[in-house]
Amino acid sequence: MTTIRALTQPTVIFETLLGRCAIRWSDAGITGVRLPSTTSRGPSPVDPTAAPAIVQNAIEGIRAVLAGESPDLRPIPLDDRAIDPFRRRVYAATREIRPGTTATYGQIARAIGESGAARDVGAALARNPVPIIVPCHRIVAVNGALTGFSAPGGLATKRRMLELEGAPGYGQQVLFG
């Protein structure tokens, strides 16, 4: 999910409240995001203040999401030229899921006109190169279970991100137990 491709692409490593992240881009948009990880060490290869505005906007948006805010990241351009058409459609539908809400793999499949493709949607999201910008953490099993999150921290990270967004059923106090 968080593989950042093409070593020739510029990279910025940046701090968030949950740890260090990394972002890559091309002339067409963002190509990769690495969620908080111990592998994002050392100084940033590119000075974050020298990065293009789209990168700075993406960094601020990611920081805001990981701080519990709900910015709209849909305007951030993605460079999806290396992504197959099915995955592009899955990612576009996933970007429409609003902060603090969830959808199922089947709902995404139906949204792209592929009603029987829930497993394929899951496979596409497992290869999501731009988590948070394509909010794959908001996609859950039909029974609400957290499944399929291959980013650093796995399902604990997915749960934490849903808690930060205030998604129903994730982290709220129970009134009647």
C-alpha atoms as a PDB file:
ATOM      1  CA  MET A   1       0.000   0.000   0.000  1.00  0.00           C
ATOM      2  CA  THR A   2       2.681   2.498   0.910  1.00  0.00           C
ATOM      3  CA  THR A   3       5.372   1.660  -1.604  1.00  0.00           C
ATOM      4  CA  ILE A   4       6.877   4.842  -2.997  1.00  0.00           C
ATOM      5  CA  ARG A   5       8.103   4.260  -6.534  1.00  0.00           C
ATOM      6  CA  ALA A   6      10.798   5.740  -8.745  1.00  0.00           C
ATOM      7  CA  LEU A   7      13.890   6.722  -6.854  1.00  0.00           C
ATOM      8  CA  THR A   8      14.342   9.672  -9.200  1.00  0.00           C
ATOM      9  CA  GLN A   9      11.235  11.398  -7.873  1.00  0.00           C
ATOM     10  CA  PRO A  10      11.831  14.085  -5.259  1.00  0.00           C
ATOM     11  CA  THR A  11      10.966  13.161  -1.681  1.00  0.00           C
ATOM     12  CA  VAL A  12      10.181  15.135   1.442  1.00  0.00           C
ATOM     13  CA  ILE A  13      10.246  13.558   4.889  1.00  0.00           C
ATOM     14  CA  PHE A  14       8.084  15.483   7.353  1.00  0.00           C
ATOM     15  CA  GLU A  15       6.918  15.287  10.935  1.00  0.00           C
ATOM     16  CA  THR A  16       3.312  14.733  12.024  1.00  0.00           C
ATOM     17  CA  LEU A  17       1.767  14.224  15.442  1.00  0.00           C
ATOM     18  CA  LEU A  18       1.876  10.472  14.832  1.00  0.00           C
ATOM     19  CA  GLY A  19       5.437  10.310  13.506  1.00  0.00           C
ATOM     20  CA  ARG A  20       7.511  10.842  10.389  1.00  0.00           C
ATOM     21  CA  CYS A  21       5.904  10.534   6.988  1.00  0.00           C
ATOM     22  CA  ALA A  22       7.296  10.843   3.480  1.00  0.00           C
ATOM     23  CA  ILE A  23       5.823  12.117   0.224  1.00  0.00           C
ATOM     24  CA  ARG A  24       6.954  11.847  -3.412  1.00  0.00           C
ATOM     25  CA  TRP A  25       5.732  13.722  -6.446  1.00  0.00           C
ATOM     26  CA  SER A  26       6.193  14.302 -10.148  1.00  0.00           C
ATOM     27  CA  ASP A  27       5.338  17.214 -12.385  1.00  0.00           C
ATOM     28  CA  ALA A  28       1.776  15.842 -12.620  1.00  0.00           C
ATOM     29  CA  GLY A  29       0.989  15.377  -8.920  1.00  0.00           C
ATOM     30  CA  ILE A  30       1.592  13.306  -5.817  1.00  0.00           C
ATOM     31  CA  THR A  31       2.871   9.773  -6.548  1.00  0.00           C
ATOM     32  CA  GLY A  32       3.456   8.318  -3.101  1.00  0.00           C
ATOM     33  CA  VAL A  33       2.835   8.790   0.612  1.00  0.00           C
ATOM     34  CA  ARG A  34       4.445   6.807   3.401  1.00  0.00           C
ATOM     35  CA  LEU A  35       2.497   6.852   6.655  1.00  0.00           C
ATOM     36  CA  PRO A  36       4.310   7.277   9.987  1.00  0.00           C
ATOM     37  CA  SER A  37       7.112   4.770  10.007  1.00  0.00           C
ATOM     38  CA  THR A  38      10.491   4.077  11.509  1.00  0.00           C
ATOM     39  CA  THR A  39      11.882   3.801   7.969  1.00  0.00           C
ATOM     40  CA  SER A  40      11.477   7.556   7.351  1.00  0.00           C
ATOM     41  CA  ARG A  41      14.699   8.511   9.095  1.00  0.00           C
ATOM     42  CA  GLY A  42      17.270  11.226   8.740  1.00  0.00           C
ATOM     43  CA  PRO A  43      17.022  14.582   7.074  1.00  0.00           C
ATOM     44  CA  SER A  44      14.603  15.146   4.246  1.00  0.00           C
ATOM     45  CA  PRO A  45      16.198  14.699   0.798  1.00  0.00           C
ATOM     46  CA  VAL A  46      14.333  17.846  -0.314  1.00  0.00           C
ATOM     47  CA  ASP A  47      13.800  20.914   1.846  1.00  0.00           C
ATOM     48  CA  PRO A  48      10.022  20.943   2.503  1.00  0.00           C
ATOM     49  CA  THR A  49       9.904  24.720   2.051  1.00  0.00           C
ATOM     50  CA  ALA A  50      11.396  24.327  -1.426  1.00  0.00           C
ATOM     51  CA  ALA A  51       8.791  21.775  -2.536  1.00  0.00           C
ATOM     52  CA  PRO A  52       6.063  22.878  -4.966  1.00  0.00           C
ATOM     53  CA  ALA A  53       2.840  24.297  -3.537  1.00  0.00           C
ATOM     54  CA  ILE A  54       0.895  21.079  -4.252  1.00  0.00           C
ATOM     55  CA  VAL A  55       3.369  19.156  -2.108  1.00  0.00           C
ATOM     56  CA  GLN A  56       3.256  21.717   0.697  1.00  0.00           C
ATOM     57  CA  ASN A  57      -0.563  21.615   0.572  1.00  0.00           C
ATOM     58  CA  ALA A  58      -0.520  17.810   0.694  1.00  0.00           C
ATOM     59  CA  ILE A  59       1.877  17.833   3.660  1.00  0.00           C
ATOM     60  CA  GLU A  60      -0.301  20.287   5.564  1.00  0.00           C
ATOM     61  CA  GLY A  61      -3.400  18.237   4.739  1.00  0.00           C
ATOM     62  CA  ILE A  62      -1.786  14.999   5.923  1.00  0.00           C
ATOM     63  CA  ARG A  63      -0.577  16.691   9.107  1.00  0.00           C
ATOM     64  CA  ALA A  64      -4.089  17.999   9.718  1.00  0.00           C
ATOM     65  CA  VAL A  65      -5.691  14.566   9.225  1.00  0.00           C
ATOM     66  CA  LEU A  66      -3.177  12.973  11.604  1.00  0.00           C
ATOM     67  CA  ALA A  67      -3.963  15.714  14.134  1.00  0.00           C
ATOM     68  CA  GLY A  68      -7.681  14.884  14.066  1.00  0.00           C
ATOM     69  CA  GLU A  69      -8.825  17.589  11.671  1.00  0.00           C
ATOM     70  CA  SER A  70     -10.943  16.964   8.568  1.00  0.00           C
ATOM     71  CA  PRO A  71      -9.527  18.879   5.615  1.00  0.00           C
ATOM     72  CA  ASP A  72     -10.767  18.157   2.103  1.00  0.00           C
ATOM     73  CA  LEU A  73      -7.835  16.487   0.334  1.00  0.00           C
ATOM     74  CA  ARG A  74      -9.701  15.833  -2.910  1.00  0.00           C
ATOM     75  CA  PRO A  75      -8.216  18.887  -4.670  1.00  0.00           C
ATOM     76  CA  ILE A  76      -4.675  17.529  -4.219  1.00  0.00           C
ATOM     77  CA  PRO A  77      -3.625  16.312  -7.679  1.00  0.00           C
ATOM     78  CA  LEU A  78      -2.391  12.756  -8.028  1.00  0.00           C
ATOM     79  CA  ASP A  79      -0.088  11.451 -10.726  1.00  0.00           C
ATOM     80  CA  ASP A  80      -1.923   8.230 -11.535  1.00  0.00           C
ATOM     81  CA  ARG A  81      -0.364   7.604 -14.946  1.00  0.00           C
ATOM     82  CA  ALA A  82       1.272   4.358 -13.724  1.00  0.00           C
ATOM     83  CA  ILE A  83      -1.974   3.069 -12.179  1.00  0.00           C
ATOM     84  CA  ASP A  84      -4.285   0.776 -14.118  1.00  0.00           C
ATOM     85  CA  PRO A  85      -7.807   2.017 -14.988  1.00  0.00           C
ATOM     86  CA  PHE A  86      -9.608  -0.209 -12.444  1.00  0.00           C
ATOM     87  CA  ARG A  87      -7.466   1.059  -9.559  1.00  0.00           C
ATOM     88  CA  ARG A  88      -7.927   4.663 -10.736  1.00  0.00           C
ATOM     89  CA  ARG A  89     -11.695   4.214 -10.506  1.00  0.00           C
ATOM     90  CA  VAL A  90     -11.416   2.607  -7.051  1.00  0.00           C
ATOM     91  CA  TYR A  91      -9.201   5.436  -5.813  1.00  0.00           C
ATOM     92  CA  ALA A  92     -11.493   8.103  -7.264  1.00  0.00           C
ATOM     93  CA  ALA A  93     -14.524   6.557  -5.528  1.00  0.00           C
ATOM     94  CA  THR A  94     -12.591   6.178  -2.276  1.00  0.00           C
ATOM     95  CA  ARG A  95     -11.585   9.849  -2.364  1.00  0.00           C
ATOM     96  CA  GLU A  96     -15.294  10.702  -2.196  1.00  0.00           C
ATOM     97  CA  ILE A  97     -15.702   9.091   1.257  1.00  0.00           C
ATOM     98  CA  ARG A  98     -15.920  12.025   3.654  1.00  0.00           C
ATOM     99  CA  PRO A  99     -13.919  12.261   6.904  1.00  0.00           C
ATOM    100  CA  GLY A 100     -15.690  10.685   9.852  1.00  0.00           C
ATOM    101  CA  THR A 101     -17.551   8.211   7.659  1.00  0.00           C
ATOM    102  CA  THR A 102     -16.834   4.753   6.308  1.00  0.00           C
ATOM    103  CA  ALA A 103     -17.885   2.678   3.335  1.00  0.00           C
ATOM    104  CA  THR A 104     -17.586  -1.018   2.583  1.00  0.00           C
ATOM    105  CA  TYR A 105     -15.539  -2.658  -0.124  1.00  0.00           C
ATOM    106  CA  GLY A 106     -18.838  -3.665  -1.739  1.00  0.00           C
ATOM    107  CA  GLN A 107     -20.124  -0.090  -1.699  1.00  0.00           C
ATOM    108  CA  ILE A 108     -16.989   1.070  -3.511  1.00  0.00           C
ATOM    109  CA  ALA A 109     -17.405  -1.769  -6.018  1.00  0.00           C
ATOM    110  CA  ARG A 110     -21.006  -0.711  -6.677  1.00  0.00           C
ATOM    111  CA  ALA A 111     -19.958   2.961  -6.926  1.00  0.00           C
ATOM    112  CA  ILE A 112     -17.644   2.106  -9.822  1.00  0.00           C
ATOM    113  CA  GLY A 113     -20.211  -0.142 -11.526  1.00  0.00           C
ATOM    114  CA  GLU A 114     -18.555  -3.435 -10.543  1.00  0.00           C
ATOM    115  CA  SER A 115     -21.019  -4.836  -7.985  1.00  0.00           C
ATOM    116  CA  GLY A 116     -19.303  -8.211  -7.637  1.00  0.00           C
ATOM    117  CA  ALA A 117     -15.791  -6.846  -7.265  1.00  0.00           C
ATOM    118  CA  ALA A 118     -15.493  -6.233  -3.508  1.00  0.00           C
ATOM    119  CA  ARG A 119     -12.391  -8.442  -3.275  1.00  0.00           C
ATOM    120  CA  ASP A 120     -10.828  -6.687  -6.246  1.00  0.00           C
ATOM    121  CA  VAL A 121     -11.515  -3.346  -4.553  1.00  0.00           C
ATOM    122  CA  GLY A 122      -9.725  -4.669  -1.462  1.00  0.00           C
ATOM    123  CA  ALA A 123      -6.760  -5.744  -3.579  1.00  0.00           C
ATOM    124  CA  ALA A 124      -6.636  -2.339  -5.265  1.00  0.00           C
ATOM    125  CA  LEU A 125      -6.723  -0.532  -1.928  1.00  0.00           C
ATOM    126  CA  ALA A 126      -3.958  -2.791  -0.599  1.00  0.00           C
ATOM    127  CA  ARG A 127      -1.777  -1.305  -3.346  1.00  0.00           C
ATOM    128  CA  ASN A 128      -2.806   2.319  -2.676  1.00  0.00           C
ATOM    129  CA  PRO A 129       0.384   4.373  -3.102  1.00  0.00           C
ATOM    130  CA  VAL A 130      -1.126   7.528  -1.570  1.00  0.00           C
ATOM    131  CA  PRO A 131      -2.840   6.662   1.724  1.00  0.00           C
ATOM    132  CA  ILE A 132      -4.662   9.506   3.473  1.00  0.00           C
ATOM    133  CA  ILE A 133      -5.012  11.364   0.162  1.00  0.00           C
ATOM    134  CA  VAL A 134      -6.867   8.261  -1.052  1.00  0.00           C
ATOM    135  CA  PRO A 135      -8.400   7.477   2.349  1.00  0.00           C
ATOM    136  CA  CYS A 136      -8.355   3.689   2.209  1.00  0.00           C
ATOM    137  CA  HIS A 137      -8.537   3.655   6.024  1.00  0.00           C
ATOM    138  CA  ARG A 138     -12.225   4.599   5.649  1.00  0.00           C
ATOM    139  CA  ILE A 139     -13.071   1.335   3.873  1.00  0.00           C
ATOM    140  CA  VAL A 140     -14.273  -1.473   6.144  1.00  0.00           C
ATOM    141  CA  ALA A 141     -15.806  -4.937   5.859  1.00  0.00           C
ATOM    142  CA  VAL A 142     -19.563  -5.235   5.424  1.00  0.00           C
ATOM    143  CA  ASN A 143     -19.904  -6.007   9.158  1.00  0.00           C
ATOM    144  CA  GLY A 144     -17.857  -2.935  10.097  1.00  0.00           C
ATOM    145  CA  ALA A 145     -14.729  -4.949  10.908  1.00  0.00           C
ATOM    146  CA  LEU A 146     -11.368  -3.412  10.206  1.00  0.00           C
ATOM    147  CA  THR A 147      -9.579  -5.422   7.541  1.00  0.00           C
ATOM    148  CA  GLY A 148      -6.888  -5.034   4.962  1.00  0.00           C
ATOM    149  CA  PHE A 149      -4.594  -2.231   6.092  1.00  0.00           C
ATOM    150  CA  SER A 150      -0.988  -2.868   5.130  1.00  0.00           C
ATOM    151  CA  ALA A 151       0.454   0.505   6.136  1.00  0.00           C
ATOM    152  CA  PRO A 152       2.914   0.705   9.044  1.00  0.00           C
ATOM    153  CA  GLY A 153       1.057  -0.130  12.237  1.00  0.00           C
ATOM    154  CA  GLY A 154      -1.536  -2.188  10.356  1.00  0.00           C
ATOM    155  CA  LEU A 155      -5.058  -2.277  11.741  1.00  0.00           C
ATOM    156  CA  ALA A 156      -4.042  -0.291  14.837  1.00  0.00           C
ATOM    157  CA  THR A 157      -3.120   2.623  12.558  1.00  0.00           C
ATOM    158  CA  LYS A 158      -6.386   2.257  10.622  1.00  0.00           C
ATOM    159  CA  ARG A 159      -8.386   2.274  13.875  1.00  0.00           C
ATOM    160  CA  ARG A 160      -6.443   5.296  15.172  1.00  0.00           C
ATOM    161  CA  MET A 161      -7.117   7.255  11.983  1.00  0.00           C
ATOM    162  CA  LEU A 162     -10.848   6.470  12.187  1.00  0.00           C
ATOM    163  CA  GLU A 163     -10.837   7.484  15.862  1.00  0.00           C
ATOM    164  CA  LEU A 164      -9.133  10.795  14.997  1.00  0.00           C
ATOM    165  CA  GLU A 165     -11.834  11.463  12.389  1.00  0.00           C
ATOM    166  CA  GLY A 166     -14.630  10.593  14.799  1.00  0.00           C
ATOM    167  CA  ALA A 167     -16.032   7.811  12.617  1.00  0.00           C
ATOM    168  CA  PRO A 168     -19.023   6.201  14.383  1.00  0.00           C
ATOM    169  CA  GLY A 169     -18.059   3.048  16.236  1.00  0.00           C
ATOM    170  CA  TYR A 170     -14.361   3.831  16.485  1.00  0.00           C
ATOM    171  CA  GLY A 171     -13.244   5.249  19.799  1.00  0.00           C
ATOM    172  CA  GLN A 172     -16.419   6.905  21.069  1.00  0.00           C
ATOM    173  CA  GLN A 173     -17.418   6.259  24.641  1.00  0.00           C
ATOM    174  CA  VAL A 174     -20.286   3.857  25.074  1.00  0.00           C
ATOM    175  CA  LEU A 175     -23.223   5.386  26.959  1.00  0.00           C
ATOM    176  CA  PHE A 176     -24.842   2.091  27.893  1.00  0.00           C
ATOM    177  CA  GLY A 177     -22.464  -0.799  28.360  1.00  0.00           C
END
